[in-house]
Structure formats: structure tokens, C-alpha cells
Amino acid sequence: MAQYDVIIIGSGPGGYVCAIRCAQLGLKTACVEGRETLGGTCLNVGCIPSKALLHATHMLHEAEENFAEMGLKGKSPSVDWKQMLTYKDNVIGQNTQGIEFLFKKNKIDWLKGWGSIPEAGKVKVGEEVHEAKNIVIATGSDVASLPGVEIDEKVVVSSTGALALGKVPKKMVVIGAGVIGLELGSVYKRLGAEVTVVEYLDAITPGQDGEVQKVFQRLLKKQGLDFILGAAVQGVEATKTKAKVTYKLKKDDSEHSLDADTVLVATGRKPYTDGLGLDALGVAVSPRGQVKTDGHYATNIKGIYAIGDAIDGPMLAHKAEDEGMALAEILAGQAGHVNYGVIPGVIYTHPEVASVGKTEEQLKDEGRAYKVGKFNFMGNGRAKANFAADGFVKILADQATDRILGAHIIGPMAGDLIHEICVAMEFGAAAEDLARTCHAHPTYSEAVREAALACGDGPIHS
């Protein structure tokens, strides 16, 4: 029987990062993974492959829409879908093999198979039982469907199936206007599909800043995506090659239907803890299936911890990574910590959308006095040169202290630009601190400085 300081169940971003950090801190570590490759949902069938397809199709869009104006003449590329999927798979392979290399480098044992916890201090993988002082549940999440909607991964697909369709559909219906639905909807729209997004709420990207929601929907509509909001999906009837989506409009209870070649169900995710044996152990779980933990990621059973999508909080790879690092440090006797007020969220469409901290709606609900500094990318020289002048940077700061409370960016490289503001917020910076920091010209990041200036006397280029 092998004995470890820590056994982590799951090798997604939370699990593998936790394992590496544990090993760096001198703990004898193993990681359980039942897939043939490490990296979990994110690297295998989530974040990484979807970004590969987003990048490829954005290059296609640039060739079709902007190359000629730049003097790049010639025939637009034709799409070799099979080769595009091969490119995506190669990207996955490079990343998953990279994790395997890091496990070997850090002397982490990969326990291949599906794990369960027969009792505290023990993990069973296949027929073998391994002992550990500490067990970490990092099993991630699975697709959440809707009543009356059966996913077959052929005609009615989850994000997993949408990354490996046999061909580009002529008509696609996306159920859910969140991150996954809009990213993959954008991919297939660029490839020539007619895409209709059906959303239960009255706005896309639930939880985002209201102004961003409106501008984002307008820009996506301009790109050709259709939206039906305030619509409750009643069911999906699928044949071998077609599907019919029925929905009811909430405003008048009228029933409607849409025909599609492919239906993408993008209605969120749920914690995946099946087969772990948590019920028998008595591990406390919320009504939503999340493992309950305290401020140090400990469950109610001594020696068992949980992180990432399996517990409360936003289902984001980087949130899981931060929790994995914090827990590793706690297990090594250090003071691990995650600042949940400064976790960014990004949507990798074009333009990108990124946010951190509070929205205007949240600040109003809290009754907090705040000010808004906003700058449109139309005033940014680099953005105009690169056909990327849609969108804006918005910084929200405390009215009295000028401390940054939140930021929302829709525009080029928003997912990278947001981190300057994250660092500022981590250090409790004021908008004036950003405004007084020299930014290289010409860069997109100047728009962040201009928005910070707008929190004071006003921007220069607007």
C-alpha cells in the first residue's frame, strides 16, 4: 500500500496545479486521473480547444473582411474542417503532454484510473488502495442540461460535442447566452452557419455589467448572430440529422419552434462528484451538489478537502488554480489565501469581454457612492489601425477615496488588459495610480489609462 502526504483526485487546472505546488513544498504527492491524458475538462474538451477554434476562425474573419483593405489581395482561404480539428487536437496534445512532463519533473505519481474514497485517509483506484494524510477532491464539473433536452453529442451536443462535429452545420441553435454558448456560437457563425441563441433571461451574459451586455449583444448581432431572449426552452426533438427546438416566450406565453442541424446546450455546468463515495463517508454537500468547505477548503470530514468547480464560487479554471495553490500552502503549514474579490472573468469572442470586481448594478444595490471612468477604443490609435475600435474600458472607483472597485472591458485583448487592473486592485490602488502610470504608445493598454484619467479630470483623447 503506497503512502502519501497528499492525494489529489482530478488533474484539471485545480488538481494539477495543487499537485505541483504540493510537490514544490516537499509533500509526497499523487494525482488520480481516469482520462488517458492529464489536464481535465479545460485542457481536453474546454478552454484550450475552444480557444484554438476561436483563433482559427478569427483569422478566417480577418482574411475575409480586412485583408483587402490592408492591401493583402487574393482569394480568401477555404475551410478544411478536418485540418482545423487536427490543429485543435495538436494544441490539446502539446498542453496535456506538458502537464505530464511537469508531473515527472516534480516527482508526482499519476495514479491512472477513477478514484473513490472508501474511508478517510484512503483512496481506491481500480483495485488498489493508497493511503494519504490528506485527500483533495478536485473533480471539476460536468455539463448541466435542461428537462426535456437529451444530449446525444451528435445532433444535440454539449460543449464537448461542439468541439468535434463531423461537419459545419448549416443551422445551429444555441441554448444559453453565457460564455460557452457565445464563444462556440461565434466559431460556427464565422464558419458559415446560421446561429440563433435562445436565452431564458432578458439579457445575454448573465451577471455582466449592464452596459457591457447591451453593447456586446449589439456587436454580436452585427456579426450575424440572432438572439431570442426571455425564452423558456420546452424541449428538443431530434432525429438522426435534424432537431426542432420548442420554446415559450415569457412575455406572452406564446409557443414557437426553431429547426436546426445542430443544437448546442450551453446552460451551465454542475459539480461532478459521482463515484467518489461522499454519501457513505458523510461529506456535507449543498442542495446544488457542491461539496461544502470552510475557509481553508476543509470538508466536515478530517483530512478531506475540496477545490475548484466541485465547491462554491465561479466555475473558472484560474479560480481553481488559485485554490489549488492556496490549499497546497495550507497543507504545508503556510498561510494560503485567495482574494475572491479580484478574480477576473473573460469571454474570448471578438471583441473580447473581461471584467473584475463590482458591476454598476451591484454598487447601486449596495448603495455605494461611486464614479465611472470610461474610454472608447475608437479613441485608441492602435485599435483603429487594427480594425478593433469597437468597445470601451470602464473603471468604477469609490467616490470618496478613488479606490478601484471594479472594471469592465469590451474590446481588443480585453482578457489581457484586465490584469493591469487586477494587480492595481490587489494592492488597493486608486484610479489616479493607474492614471499616473506611464503607458507605452501605441498600445491598447492606453485605453485603460484613459479610463482611469476619466475618473479624475477627464481623458486626453476623448
Protein backbone atom coordinates (compact mmCIF):
# COMPACT_ATOMS: atom_id res chain seq x y z
CA MET A 1 0.00 0.00 0.00
CA ALA A 2 1.52 3.33 -1.15
CA GLN A 3 1.54 6.15 1.40
CA TYR A 4 1.39 9.84 0.50
CA ASP A 5 1.17 13.20 2.21
CA VAL A 6 -1.44 14.28 -0.35
CA ILE A 7 -3.57 12.51 -2.95
CA ILE A 8 -5.50 14.78 -5.31
CA ILE A 9 -8.44 13.31 -7.20
CA GLY A 10 -8.67 15.03 -10.59
CA SER A 11 -5.97 16.55 -12.79
CA GLY A 12 -7.78 19.62 -14.12
CA PRO A 13 -6.39 23.14 -13.51
CA GLY A 14 -7.21 22.93 -9.80
CA GLY A 15 -5.87 19.41 -9.34
CA TYR A 16 -2.65 19.55 -11.33
CA VAL A 17 -1.67 22.98 -10.00
CA CYS A 18 -2.36 21.82 -6.43
CA ALA A 19 -0.25 18.69 -7.07
CA ILE A 20 2.72 20.66 -8.45
CA ARG A 21 2.61 23.20 -5.61
CA CYS A 22 2.39 20.41 -3.00
CA ALA A 23 5.42 18.71 -4.54
CA GLN A 24 7.35 22.01 -4.65
CA LEU A 25 6.67 22.41 -0.93
CA GLY A 26 8.14 18.99 -0.15
CA LEU A 27 4.97 16.90 0.18
CA LYS A 28 4.91 13.37 -1.27
CA THR A 29 2.11 13.77 -3.81
CA ALA A 30 -0.04 11.68 -6.13
CA CYS A 31 -2.80 12.67 -8.53
CA VAL A 32 -5.65 10.41 -9.64
CA GLU A 33 -6.91 10.76 -13.22
CA GLY A 34 -9.11 8.40 -15.22
CA ARG A 35 -8.70 10.06 -18.60
CA GLU A 36 -5.94 8.95 -20.94
CA THR A 37 -4.48 12.45 -20.66
CA LEU A 38 -3.99 14.94 -17.84
CA GLY A 39 -5.49 18.43 -17.73
CA GLY A 40 -9.17 17.73 -17.08
CA THR A 41 -12.06 19.34 -18.95
CA CYS A 42 -10.21 22.63 -19.51
CA LEU A 43 -7.26 21.27 -21.46
CA ASN A 44 -9.02 18.35 -23.16
CA VAL A 45 -12.54 19.48 -24.05
CA GLY A 46 -12.90 23.04 -22.78
CA CYS A 47 -10.85 26.22 -22.54
CA ILE A 48 -7.88 25.23 -24.69
CA PRO A 49 -9.58 23.58 -27.70
CA SER A 50 -12.27 26.27 -27.85
CA LYS A 51 -9.58 28.99 -27.93
CA ALA A 52 -7.84 27.15 -30.78
CA LEU A 53 -11.07 27.21 -32.84
CA LEU A 54 -11.75 30.82 -31.88
CA HIS A 55 -8.27 31.80 -33.06
CA ALA A 56 -8.54 29.87 -36.34
CA THR A 57 -11.95 31.30 -37.21
CA HIS A 58 -10.90 34.83 -36.24
CA MET A 59 -8.03 34.53 -38.73
CA LEU A 60 -10.61 33.48 -41.34
CA HIS A 61 -12.74 36.52 -40.47
CA GLU A 62 -9.72 38.83 -40.82
CA ALA A 63 -8.89 37.35 -44.22
CA GLU A 64 -12.48 37.73 -45.46
CA GLU A 65 -13.20 41.18 -44.01
CA ASN A 66 -9.98 43.16 -43.54
CA PHE A 67 -7.12 41.81 -45.63
CA ALA A 68 -8.12 43.60 -48.85
CA GLU A 69 -8.24 47.00 -47.15
CA MET A 70 -4.69 46.45 -45.90
CA GLY A 71 -3.50 45.68 -49.42
CA LEU A 72 -3.40 41.93 -48.91
CA LYS A 73 -5.08 40.80 -52.12
CA GLY A 74 -6.02 37.32 -53.23
CA LYS A 75 -8.58 34.61 -52.68
CA SER A 76 -9.92 34.20 -49.14
CA PRO A 77 -8.94 30.87 -47.58
CA SER A 78 -11.31 27.93 -47.91
CA VAL A 79 -12.10 25.97 -44.74
CA ASP A 80 -10.63 22.48 -44.35
CA TRP A 81 -12.68 21.49 -41.30
CA LYS A 82 -10.84 18.21 -40.81
CA GLN A 83 -7.48 20.01 -40.74
CA MET A 84 -8.85 22.65 -38.35
CA LEU A 85 -9.87 19.88 -35.95
CA THR A 86 -6.42 18.32 -36.32
CA TYR A 87 -4.83 21.67 -35.43
CA LYS A 88 -7.11 21.85 -32.37
CA ASP A 89 -6.15 18.31 -31.32
CA ASN A 90 -2.44 19.10 -31.75
CA VAL A 91 -2.84 22.10 -29.43
CA ILE A 92 -4.54 19.86 -26.85
CA GLY A 93 -1.74 17.30 -27.16
CA GLN A 94 1.01 19.86 -26.61
CA ASN A 95 -0.69 21.12 -23.45
CA THR A 96 -1.57 17.75 -21.91
CA GLN A 97 1.91 16.37 -22.60
CA GLY A 98 3.29 19.48 -20.92
CA ILE A 99 1.40 18.60 -17.72
CA GLU A 100 2.72 15.03 -17.88
CA PHE A 101 6.28 16.41 -18.16
CA LEU A 102 5.70 18.68 -15.14
CA PHE A 103 4.43 15.70 -13.10
CA LYS A 104 7.62 13.77 -13.87
CA LYS A 105 9.82 16.81 -13.18
CA ASN A 106 8.18 17.30 -9.78
CA LYS A 107 8.11 13.55 -8.94
CA ILE A 108 4.31 13.40 -8.73
CA ASP A 109 2.80 9.94 -9.13
CA TRP A 110 -0.04 9.70 -11.65
CA LEU A 111 -2.48 7.09 -10.34
CA LYS A 112 -4.26 6.10 -13.56
CA GLY A 113 -7.94 5.28 -13.15
CA TRP A 114 -11.07 6.60 -11.44
CA GLY A 115 -10.77 7.29 -7.75
CA SER A 116 -13.07 6.81 -4.78
CA ILE A 117 -12.67 7.42 -1.05
CA PRO A 118 -13.65 4.28 0.88
CA GLU A 119 -12.72 5.96 4.17
CA ALA A 120 -10.84 8.99 5.44
CA GLY A 121 -7.14 8.65 4.69
CA LYS A 122 -7.61 6.16 1.84
CA VAL A 123 -8.15 6.45 -1.92
CA LYS A 124 -9.09 3.49 -4.06
CA VAL A 125 -8.03 3.48 -7.73
CA GLY A 126 -9.08 0.34 -9.57
CA GLU A 127 -8.34 -2.49 -7.14
CA GLU A 128 -5.50 -0.67 -5.39
CA VAL A 129 -5.88 1.30 -2.17
CA HIS A 130 -3.46 4.13 -1.38
CA GLU A 131 -3.03 5.89 1.96
CA ALA A 132 -2.78 9.65 2.32
CA LYS A 133 -2.66 12.07 5.24
CA ASN A 134 -4.69 14.50 3.12
CA ILE A 135 -7.14 13.91 0.25
CA VAL A 136 -8.17 16.71 -2.14
CA ILE A 137 -11.34 16.49 -4.22
CA ALA A 138 -10.63 18.36 -7.47
CA THR A 139 -13.07 16.50 -9.72
CA GLY A 140 -14.41 19.55 -11.53
CA SER A 141 -17.79 19.84 -13.19
CA ASP A 142 -19.99 18.29 -15.85
CA VAL A 143 -22.49 19.66 -18.35
CA ALA A 144 -25.87 20.68 -16.90
CA SER A 145 -28.76 20.03 -19.28
CA LEU A 146 -32.43 21.03 -19.22
CA PRO A 147 -35.56 18.96 -18.62
CA GLY A 148 -36.82 17.65 -21.96
CA VAL A 149 -33.43 18.04 -23.63
CA GLU A 150 -31.39 14.87 -24.17
CA ILE A 151 -27.78 15.34 -25.24
CA ASP A 152 -26.60 12.70 -27.75
CA GLU A 153 -23.35 14.53 -28.75
CA LYS A 154 -24.31 14.10 -32.42
CA VAL A 155 -27.28 16.37 -33.16
CA VAL A 156 -27.92 17.72 -29.65
CA VAL A 157 -24.47 18.47 -28.27
CA SER A 158 -22.74 19.85 -25.20
CA SER A 159 -19.61 21.98 -25.49
CA THR A 160 -17.67 18.68 -25.73
CA GLY A 161 -19.55 17.54 -28.82
CA ALA A 162 -19.49 21.02 -30.34
CA LEU A 163 -15.68 20.86 -30.42
CA ALA A 164 -15.71 17.77 -32.64
CA LEU A 165 -18.68 17.97 -35.03
CA GLY A 166 -18.39 15.86 -38.17
CA LYS A 167 -19.14 18.90 -40.32
CA VAL A 168 -20.07 22.55 -40.01
CA PRO A 169 -23.87 22.75 -39.64
CA LYS A 170 -25.98 24.99 -41.84
CA LYS A 171 -28.21 25.94 -38.92
CA MET A 172 -27.24 25.90 -35.26
CA VAL A 173 -29.38 26.76 -32.26
CA VAL A 174 -27.51 27.61 -29.07
CA ILE A 175 -29.46 27.25 -25.83
CA GLY A 176 -27.93 29.68 -23.34
CA ALA A 177 -26.29 33.08 -23.92
CA GLY A 178 -23.44 32.61 -21.47
CA VAL A 179 -19.71 32.35 -22.12
CA ILE A 180 -19.68 28.86 -23.70
CA GLY A 181 -22.70 29.48 -25.93
CA LEU A 182 -21.42 32.78 -27.29
CA GLU A 183 -17.85 31.59 -27.85
CA LEU A 184 -18.84 28.45 -29.74
CA GLY A 185 -21.72 30.23 -31.46
CA SER A 186 -19.15 32.75 -32.75
CA VAL A 187 -16.93 29.94 -34.04
CA TYR A 188 -19.68 28.39 -36.13
CA LYS A 189 -21.06 31.74 -37.33
CA ARG A 190 -17.62 32.59 -38.75
CA LEU A 191 -17.56 29.18 -40.44
CA GLY A 192 -20.81 29.98 -42.23
CA ALA A 193 -23.55 28.56 -40.02
CA GLU A 194 -26.77 30.40 -39.27
CA VAL A 195 -26.66 30.76 -35.48
CA THR A 196 -29.61 31.57 -33.23
CA VAL A 197 -29.08 31.95 -29.48
CA VAL A 198 -32.04 31.27 -27.19
CA GLU A 199 -31.77 32.67 -23.65
CA TYR A 200 -34.17 32.39 -20.72
CA LEU A 201 -33.21 35.78 -19.23
CA ASP A 202 -33.78 39.16 -20.86
CA ALA A 203 -30.08 39.88 -21.40
CA ILE A 204 -27.04 37.94 -22.59
CA THR A 205 -24.08 37.03 -20.34
CA PRO A 206 -25.98 36.97 -17.03
CA GLY A 207 -24.17 38.78 -14.23
CA GLN A 208 -22.15 41.05 -16.51
CA ASP A 209 -22.25 44.84 -16.27
CA GLY A 210 -25.48 46.02 -17.90
CA GLU A 211 -23.81 48.46 -20.30
CA VAL A 212 -21.43 45.74 -21.46
CA GLN A 213 -24.36 43.36 -22.05
CA LYS A 214 -26.11 45.83 -24.36
CA VAL A 215 -23.03 46.77 -26.39
CA PHE A 216 -21.88 43.15 -26.59
CA GLN A 217 -25.23 41.94 -27.93
CA ARG A 218 -25.30 44.74 -30.50
CA LEU A 219 -21.80 43.84 -31.75
CA LEU A 220 -22.63 40.13 -31.95
CA LYS A 221 -25.84 40.89 -33.86
CA LYS A 222 -23.75 42.99 -36.26
CA GLN A 223 -21.61 39.86 -36.79
CA GLY A 224 -24.73 37.88 -37.71
CA LEU A 225 -25.78 36.08 -34.52
CA ASP A 226 -29.54 36.14 -33.87
CA PHE A 227 -30.94 36.32 -30.34
CA ILE A 228 -34.24 35.26 -28.81
CA LEU A 229 -34.31 36.49 -25.22
CA GLY A 230 -36.83 35.84 -22.47
CA ALA A 231 -37.50 32.40 -23.93
CA ALA A 232 -38.00 29.21 -21.92
CA VAL A 233 -36.99 26.11 -23.89
CA GLN A 234 -39.68 23.45 -23.61
CA GLY A 235 -37.88 20.63 -25.33
CA VAL A 236 -35.80 19.40 -28.25
CA GLU A 237 -36.96 16.72 -30.69
CA ALA A 238 -34.05 15.13 -32.51
CA THR A 239 -33.78 12.76 -35.46
CA LYS A 240 -30.53 11.36 -36.85
CA THR A 241 -29.69 14.54 -38.71
CA LYS A 242 -32.07 17.33 -37.57
CA ALA A 243 -33.63 18.80 -34.47
CA LYS A 244 -36.56 21.00 -33.54
CA VAL A 245 -36.29 23.33 -30.52
CA THR A 246 -39.58 24.43 -28.96
CA TYR A 247 -39.68 27.42 -26.64
CA LYS A 248 -42.18 29.68 -24.91
CA LEU A 249 -41.78 33.46 -24.74
CA LYS A 250 -42.14 34.60 -21.14
CA LYS A 251 -43.75 37.94 -22.08
CA ASP A 252 -46.90 36.40 -23.58
CA ASP A 253 -46.63 32.61 -23.12
CA SER A 254 -46.68 32.14 -26.92
CA GLU A 255 -45.06 28.94 -28.21
CA HIS A 256 -42.57 28.86 -31.07
CA SER A 257 -40.10 26.46 -32.65
CA LEU A 258 -36.77 26.52 -34.48
CA ASP A 259 -35.31 23.93 -36.84
CA ALA A 260 -31.59 23.16 -36.65
CA ASP A 261 -28.94 20.76 -37.90
CA THR A 262 -27.17 21.04 -34.53
CA VAL A 263 -28.37 22.19 -31.11
CA LEU A 264 -25.73 23.27 -28.61
CA VAL A 265 -26.85 23.04 -25.00
CA ALA A 266 -24.85 25.68 -23.11
CA THR A 267 -26.91 26.10 -19.96
CA GLY A 268 -24.08 25.87 -17.46
CA ARG A 269 -22.26 23.19 -15.52
CA LYS A 270 -22.72 21.26 -12.26
CA PRO A 271 -20.20 19.78 -9.80
CA TYR A 272 -19.01 16.29 -10.74
CA THR A 273 -18.56 14.07 -7.68
CA ASP A 274 -20.19 10.83 -8.88
CA GLY A 275 -18.49 7.65 -7.72
CA LEU A 276 -16.38 9.25 -5.00
CA GLY A 277 -18.47 7.73 -2.22
CA LEU A 278 -19.18 11.04 -0.48
CA ASP A 279 -22.63 9.97 0.79
CA ALA A 280 -21.24 6.90 2.55
CA LEU A 281 -18.45 8.99 4.07
CA GLY A 282 -20.89 11.64 5.28
CA VAL A 283 -19.22 14.51 3.43
CA ALA A 284 -21.58 17.51 3.53
CA VAL A 285 -22.87 18.58 0.11
CA SER A 286 -25.12 21.55 -0.75
CA PRO A 287 -28.51 21.14 -2.50
CA ARG A 288 -26.74 22.20 -5.73
CA GLY A 289 -24.26 19.33 -5.39
CA GLN A 290 -21.31 21.45 -4.24
CA VAL A 291 -19.00 20.00 -1.61
CA LYS A 292 -19.23 22.19 1.49
CA THR A 293 -15.91 23.56 2.76
CA ASP A 294 -14.66 26.04 5.34
CA GLY A 295 -12.34 28.99 4.73
CA HIS A 296 -9.40 26.60 4.37
CA TYR A 297 -11.10 24.22 1.86
CA ALA A 298 -11.65 21.55 4.53
CA THR A 299 -14.81 19.45 4.40
CA ASN A 300 -16.59 18.28 7.55
CA ILE A 301 -14.52 15.05 7.42
CA LYS A 302 -10.99 15.47 8.81
CA GLY A 303 -8.26 15.16 6.20
CA ILE A 304 -10.60 15.60 3.19
CA TYR A 305 -10.53 18.87 1.25
CA ALA A 306 -12.15 20.19 -1.94
CA ILE A 307 -11.39 22.93 -4.50
CA GLY A 308 -12.46 24.26 -7.90
CA ASP A 309 -15.75 23.58 -9.64
CA ALA A 310 -16.64 20.96 -7.00
CA ILE A 311 -17.18 23.72 -4.42
CA ASP A 312 -18.98 27.08 -4.27
CA GLY A 313 -17.93 30.04 -6.42
CA PRO A 314 -17.42 30.84 -10.10
CA MET A 315 -16.59 27.83 -12.26
CA LEU A 316 -13.34 29.22 -13.67
CA ALA A 317 -10.07 27.40 -14.32
CA HIS A 318 -7.99 30.18 -12.76
CA LYS A 319 -10.17 30.25 -9.64
CA ALA A 320 -9.50 26.51 -9.26
CA GLU A 321 -5.75 27.08 -9.81
CA ASP A 322 -5.61 29.76 -7.11
CA GLU A 323 -7.48 27.50 -4.70
CA GLY A 324 -5.13 24.62 -5.52
CA MET A 325 -2.08 26.74 -4.73
CA ALA A 326 -3.63 28.15 -1.55
CA LEU A 327 -4.60 24.70 -0.27
CA ALA A 328 -1.13 23.27 -1.03
CA GLU A 329 0.40 26.07 1.04
CA ILE A 330 -2.07 25.44 3.89
CA LEU A 331 -1.24 21.70 3.88
CA ALA A 332 2.47 22.59 4.04
CA GLY A 333 1.88 24.74 7.11
CA GLN A 334 1.87 28.08 5.32
CA ALA A 335 -0.88 30.72 5.01
CA GLY A 336 -2.61 30.10 1.69
CA HIS A 337 -5.15 32.72 0.61
CA VAL A 338 -7.39 33.59 -2.36
CA ASN A 339 -8.80 37.10 -2.86
CA TYR A 340 -12.20 36.31 -4.33
CA GLY A 341 -12.89 39.99 -4.97
CA VAL A 342 -10.19 40.11 -7.63
CA ILE A 343 -10.91 37.08 -9.84
CA PRO A 344 -11.30 38.19 -13.48
CA GLY A 345 -13.73 36.69 -15.96
CA VAL A 346 -13.15 36.66 -19.72
CA ILE A 347 -15.22 35.87 -22.82
CA TYR A 348 -12.95 35.10 -25.79
CA THR A 349 -15.19 36.26 -28.60
CA HIS A 350 -14.18 39.14 -30.86
CA PRO A 351 -14.23 41.65 -29.33
CA GLU A 352 -13.25 40.04 -26.05
CA VAL A 353 -15.09 40.86 -22.84
CA ALA A 354 -13.36 40.97 -19.45
CA SER A 355 -14.45 42.03 -16.00
CA VAL A 356 -13.22 42.12 -12.42
CA GLY A 357 -14.78 43.30 -9.18
CA LYS A 358 -18.14 45.01 -8.88
CA THR A 359 -20.62 45.93 -11.62
CA GLU A 360 -22.54 49.21 -11.58
CA GLU A 361 -25.69 47.26 -10.76
CA GLN A 362 -24.05 45.68 -7.69
CA LEU A 363 -22.75 49.03 -6.44
CA LYS A 364 -26.20 50.59 -6.83
CA ASP A 365 -27.78 47.70 -4.92
CA GLU A 366 -25.22 48.20 -2.14
CA GLY A 367 -26.00 51.92 -2.05
CA ARG A 368 -22.33 52.72 -2.55
CA ALA A 369 -21.26 56.11 -3.91
CA TYR A 370 -19.05 55.55 -6.94
CA LYS A 371 -17.77 57.27 -10.05
CA VAL A 372 -17.31 55.97 -13.59
CA GLY A 373 -14.31 56.49 -15.83
CA LYS A 374 -14.94 55.36 -19.39
CA PHE A 375 -12.93 55.45 -22.61
CA ASN A 376 -13.95 54.16 -26.05
CA PHE A 377 -11.44 52.21 -28.14
CA MET A 378 -12.44 54.49 -31.03
CA GLY A 379 -10.02 57.00 -29.46
CA ASN A 380 -7.15 54.49 -29.36
CA GLY A 381 -4.72 54.73 -32.29
CA ARG A 382 -3.60 51.10 -32.17
CA ALA A 383 -7.18 49.82 -32.10
CA LYS A 384 -8.15 51.90 -35.13
CA ALA A 385 -5.14 50.64 -37.10
CA ASN A 386 -6.06 47.03 -36.31
CA PHE A 387 -9.79 47.16 -37.17
CA ALA A 388 -10.52 46.70 -33.45
CA ALA A 389 -12.04 50.02 -32.40
CA ASP A 390 -15.35 48.61 -31.07
CA GLY A 391 -15.93 48.71 -27.34
CA PHE A 392 -14.65 50.53 -24.28
CA VAL A 393 -12.86 50.36 -20.94
CA LYS A 394 -14.91 51.27 -17.87
CA ILE A 395 -13.41 51.71 -14.41
CA LEU A 396 -15.58 52.05 -11.30
CA ALA A 397 -13.98 53.82 -8.35
CA ASP A 398 -15.11 54.84 -4.88
CA GLN A 399 -16.49 58.39 -4.94
CA ALA A 400 -14.65 59.46 -1.79
CA THR A 401 -11.37 57.50 -1.86
CA ASP A 402 -10.90 56.87 -5.62
CA ARG A 403 -10.10 53.22 -4.81
CA ILE A 404 -10.85 50.94 -7.79
CA LEU A 405 -13.93 48.80 -7.12
CA GLY A 406 -14.35 47.11 -10.48
CA ALA A 407 -13.59 47.28 -14.19
CA HIS A 408 -15.29 46.13 -17.36
CA ILE A 409 -13.67 45.96 -20.78
CA ILE A 410 -15.16 45.08 -24.13
CA GLY A 411 -12.63 45.38 -26.91
CA PRO A 412 -9.34 44.06 -28.31
CA MET A 413 -7.23 41.91 -25.94
CA ALA A 414 -9.64 42.64 -23.08
CA GLY A 415 -8.65 39.37 -21.38
CA ASP A 416 -5.05 40.57 -21.15
CA LEU A 417 -5.77 44.23 -20.40
CA ILE A 418 -7.90 43.39 -17.35
CA HIS A 419 -4.90 42.11 -15.41
CA GLU A 420 -3.33 45.53 -15.03
CA ILE A 421 -6.48 46.48 -13.16
CA CYS A 422 -6.45 43.21 -11.18
CA VAL A 423 -2.93 43.96 -9.92
CA ALA A 424 -3.98 47.52 -9.06
CA MET A 425 -6.99 46.23 -7.09
CA GLU A 426 -4.86 43.62 -5.30
CA PHE A 427 -2.71 46.45 -3.98
CA GLY A 428 -5.72 48.66 -3.13
CA ALA A 429 -4.80 51.22 -5.80
CA ALA A 430 -6.76 54.32 -6.69
CA ALA A 431 -7.78 55.14 -10.26
CA GLU A 432 -5.28 58.00 -10.06
CA ASP A 433 -2.46 55.49 -9.53
CA LEU A 434 -3.28 53.93 -12.91
CA ALA A 435 -3.70 57.35 -14.50
CA ARG A 436 -0.24 58.43 -13.34
CA THR A 437 1.49 55.29 -14.65
CA CYS A 438 3.23 55.78 -18.00
CA HIS A 439 1.77 53.51 -20.71
CA ALA A 440 3.64 52.76 -23.93
CA HIS A 441 2.29 54.28 -27.14
CA PRO A 442 0.73 52.98 -29.31
CA THR A 443 -0.82 50.15 -27.27
CA TYR A 444 -4.33 49.00 -26.42
CA SER A 445 -3.40 49.47 -22.75
CA GLU A 446 -3.51 53.25 -23.19
CA ALA A 447 -7.30 52.87 -23.16
CA VAL A 448 -7.04 51.61 -19.57
CA ARG A 449 -5.04 54.70 -18.57
CA GLU A 450 -7.54 56.97 -20.35
CA ALA A 451 -10.43 55.34 -18.45
CA ALA A 452 -8.51 55.93 -15.21
CA LEU A 453 -7.97 59.56 -16.22
CA ALA A 454 -11.73 59.77 -16.84
CA CYS A 455 -12.25 59.01 -13.13
CA GLY A 456 -10.49 62.36 -12.46
CA ASP A 457 -10.28 65.46 -14.64
CA GLY A 458 -11.01 63.57 -17.85
CA PRO A 459 -9.29 61.56 -20.59
CA ILE A 460 -6.89 63.18 -23.05
CA HIS A 461 -8.07 61.57 -26.28
CA SER A 462 -11.83 61.86 -25.87
